[in-house]
């Protein structure tokens, strides 16, 4: 299955410039993998906010907020938009999660690695992943199964799972 993704990196006030895949914008490019197959995306800047409740500001809680913000069908694929907010107080050099997608019958349908790249402290980052041949209505739940990668300046760390606050603004359950 081909998975395409796009990354939007946001600053508190000004959006970052549009970048083509392969160029680095502090946070690098996002990567989605299914059983080891990966494709690179593009990075753009666009203001977004996250939080655990509709309208809640990202700084309202500490931790690592990861929100499934939107799920939209587009030309035979399901485009998932995630808002990541690093309120842990420490910069994260690399962040990626092993996730499991469940169908409407509660059966496992896909195993994926969602890579968010670098998440500086206090930063909000929006990442989109496209699931080909997968209607959004066919997804009931996305489970964060484990950390695929979590690195701070001191090396590998468990903070990415310990501080994780998964939420969803969609009909799809997003949890651990």
Protein backbone atom coordinates (compact mmCIF):
# COMPACT_ATOMS: atom_id res chain seq x y z
CA UNK A 1 0.00 0.00 0.00
CA UNK A 2 1.26 3.47 -0.85
CA UNK A 3 1.09 5.98 1.97
CA UNK A 4 1.67 9.66 1.26
CA UNK A 5 2.05 12.26 3.97
CA UNK A 6 2.46 15.98 4.22
CA UNK A 7 3.85 17.96 7.14
CA UNK A 8 2.78 21.36 8.29
CA UNK A 9 5.05 22.95 10.87
CA UNK A 10 3.65 25.89 12.80
CA UNK A 11 5.19 28.65 14.83
CA UNK A 12 3.39 30.57 17.54
CA UNK A 13 2.95 33.63 15.32
CA UNK A 14 4.27 33.23 11.77
CA UNK A 15 3.86 30.19 9.48
CA UNK A 16 6.96 28.58 7.96
CA UNK A 17 7.59 28.75 4.21
CA UNK A 18 6.49 26.00 1.86
CA UNK A 19 9.21 23.39 1.37
CA UNK A 20 9.56 20.57 -1.12
CA UNK A 21 10.12 16.98 0.06
CA UNK A 22 13.72 16.32 0.92
CA UNK A 23 14.42 19.81 2.28
CA UNK A 24 14.79 20.16 6.01
CA UNK A 25 12.89 22.68 8.11
CA UNK A 26 14.24 22.24 11.61
CA UNK A 27 11.81 19.39 12.14
CA UNK A 28 12.83 17.47 9.01
CA UNK A 29 10.39 15.53 6.91
CA UNK A 30 7.74 13.16 8.16
CA UNK A 31 7.73 9.52 7.28
CA UNK A 32 4.97 6.95 7.34
CA UNK A 33 5.89 3.32 7.00
CA UNK A 34 3.85 0.20 6.50
CA UNK A 35 5.90 -2.96 6.97
CA UNK A 36 9.09 -1.09 6.04
CA UNK A 37 7.88 0.66 2.86
CA UNK A 38 8.17 4.43 3.12
CA UNK A 39 7.45 7.53 1.08
CA UNK A 40 8.55 11.11 1.71
CA UNK A 41 6.15 14.04 1.97
CA UNK A 42 6.24 17.79 1.65
CA UNK A 43 6.39 20.39 4.38
CA UNK A 44 4.30 23.54 4.54
CA UNK A 45 3.50 26.19 7.11
CA UNK A 46 -0.02 26.78 8.37
CA UNK A 47 -1.30 28.04 11.71
CA UNK A 48 -3.11 25.37 13.72
CA UNK A 49 -3.90 24.81 17.36
CA UNK A 50 -4.35 21.62 19.33
CA UNK A 51 -5.51 20.57 22.75
CA UNK A 52 -7.42 17.87 24.48
CA UNK A 53 -10.82 19.53 24.11
CA UNK A 54 -12.34 21.51 21.28
CA UNK A 55 -10.97 25.03 21.59
CA UNK A 56 -8.56 24.21 24.43
CA UNK A 57 -5.19 25.94 23.95
CA UNK A 58 -2.18 23.63 23.53
CA UNK A 59 -0.41 25.06 26.60
CA UNK A 60 -3.35 24.19 28.87
CA UNK A 61 -1.73 20.85 29.84
CA UNK A 62 1.83 19.63 30.05
CA UNK A 63 3.02 16.56 28.20
CA UNK A 64 3.11 15.50 24.58
CA UNK A 65 -0.25 16.18 22.97
CA UNK A 66 -1.02 14.12 19.89
CA UNK A 67 -4.44 14.85 18.46
CA UNK A 68 -6.15 13.14 15.54
CA UNK A 69 -7.59 16.43 14.34
CA UNK A 70 -9.28 15.46 11.07
CA UNK A 71 -10.01 12.48 8.83
CA UNK A 72 -11.15 13.29 5.29
CA UNK A 73 -11.79 11.05 2.29
CA UNK A 74 -10.03 12.32 -0.83
CA UNK A 75 -9.89 10.46 -4.16
CA UNK A 76 -10.01 6.96 -2.70
CA UNK A 77 -7.80 7.57 0.31
CA UNK A 78 -8.24 8.64 3.91
CA UNK A 79 -6.23 11.74 4.84
CA UNK A 80 -5.48 11.83 8.57
CA UNK A 81 -4.35 15.15 10.08
CA UNK A 82 -2.50 15.05 13.40
CA UNK A 83 -1.62 18.00 15.63
CA UNK A 84 1.44 17.35 17.82
CA UNK A 85 2.19 19.75 20.69
CA UNK A 86 5.40 19.33 22.69
CA UNK A 87 4.72 20.78 26.14
CA UNK A 88 7.18 18.43 27.89
CA UNK A 89 9.68 21.23 28.49
CA UNK A 90 12.41 19.43 26.55
CA UNK A 91 13.14 19.32 22.82
CA UNK A 92 12.61 15.98 21.12
CA UNK A 93 15.07 15.21 18.31
CA UNK A 94 13.09 12.33 16.77
CA UNK A 95 9.58 11.11 17.50
CA UNK A 96 7.73 8.24 15.83
CA UNK A 97 5.05 5.82 16.95
CA UNK A 98 3.99 2.30 16.02
CA UNK A 99 0.22 2.50 15.46
CA UNK A 100 -2.44 -0.06 14.65
CA UNK A 101 -5.51 0.73 12.53
CA UNK A 102 -8.75 -1.12 13.34
CA UNK A 103 -11.67 -1.52 10.93
CA UNK A 104 -15.36 -1.00 11.82
CA UNK A 105 -15.57 -4.61 13.08
CA UNK A 106 -12.76 -3.97 15.57
CA UNK A 107 -10.33 -6.12 13.59
CA UNK A 108 -6.74 -5.10 12.93
CA UNK A 109 -6.41 -3.80 9.38
CA UNK A 110 -2.95 -2.13 9.25
CA UNK A 111 0.27 -1.65 11.19
CA UNK A 112 2.00 1.69 10.54
CA UNK A 113 4.88 3.79 11.81
CA UNK A 114 4.01 7.49 11.97
CA UNK A 115 7.13 9.62 12.16
CA UNK A 116 6.81 13.21 13.36
CA UNK A 117 10.52 14.07 13.21
CA UNK A 118 11.85 16.80 15.46
CA UNK A 119 9.49 18.42 18.00
CA UNK A 120 11.12 21.41 19.72
CA UNK A 121 9.84 22.28 23.20
CA UNK A 122 6.71 24.46 23.02
CA UNK A 123 6.27 23.74 19.30
CA UNK A 124 3.09 22.74 17.47
CA UNK A 125 3.43 20.61 14.35
CA UNK A 126 0.70 19.42 11.97
CA UNK A 127 1.31 16.24 9.99
CA UNK A 128 -0.93 14.59 7.40
CA UNK A 129 -0.83 10.93 6.42
CA UNK A 130 -2.72 9.53 3.43
CA UNK A 131 -3.93 5.93 3.63
CA UNK A 132 -4.52 4.71 0.06
CA UNK A 133 -7.51 2.44 -0.68
CA UNK A 134 -8.87 3.12 2.82
CA UNK A 135 -12.09 5.08 3.35
CA UNK A 136 -12.10 6.98 6.64
CA UNK A 137 -15.53 5.53 7.50
CA UNK A 138 -13.88 2.09 7.51
CA UNK A 139 -11.62 3.05 10.44
CA UNK A 140 -13.01 2.72 13.97
CA UNK A 141 -9.85 3.14 16.02
CA UNK A 142 -6.17 4.00 15.78
CA UNK A 143 -4.10 2.66 18.67
CA UNK A 144 -0.67 3.99 19.63
CA UNK A 145 0.90 0.58 20.19
CA UNK A 146 4.43 1.65 21.15
CA UNK A 147 7.26 4.09 20.56
CA UNK A 148 9.11 3.42 17.32
CA UNK A 149 11.64 6.17 18.02
CA UNK A 150 12.07 8.76 20.77
CA UNK A 151 15.29 10.71 21.06
CA UNK A 152 16.27 13.73 23.10
CA UNK A 153 19.64 15.50 23.04
CA UNK A 154 20.76 12.96 25.66
CA UNK A 155 19.82 9.96 23.49
CA UNK A 156 16.93 7.51 23.55
CA UNK A 157 14.15 8.29 26.03
CA UNK A 158 10.79 6.96 27.20
CA UNK A 159 9.20 10.40 27.57
CA UNK A 160 7.38 10.07 24.23
CA UNK A 161 5.11 7.37 25.67
CA UNK A 162 5.12 8.50 29.32
CA UNK A 163 4.03 12.05 28.46
CA UNK A 164 1.75 11.10 25.54
CA UNK A 165 -1.80 12.53 25.59
CA UNK A 166 -3.64 11.09 22.57
CA UNK A 167 -6.99 12.68 21.70
CA UNK A 168 -9.35 12.78 18.74
CA UNK A 169 -11.69 15.38 17.28
CA UNK A 170 -13.02 12.80 14.82
CA UNK A 171 -15.36 9.80 14.93
CA UNK A 172 -12.21 7.63 15.00
CA UNK A 173 -11.02 6.68 18.49
CA UNK A 174 -7.33 7.54 19.00
CA UNK A 175 -5.77 6.14 22.16
CA UNK A 176 -3.07 4.00 23.79
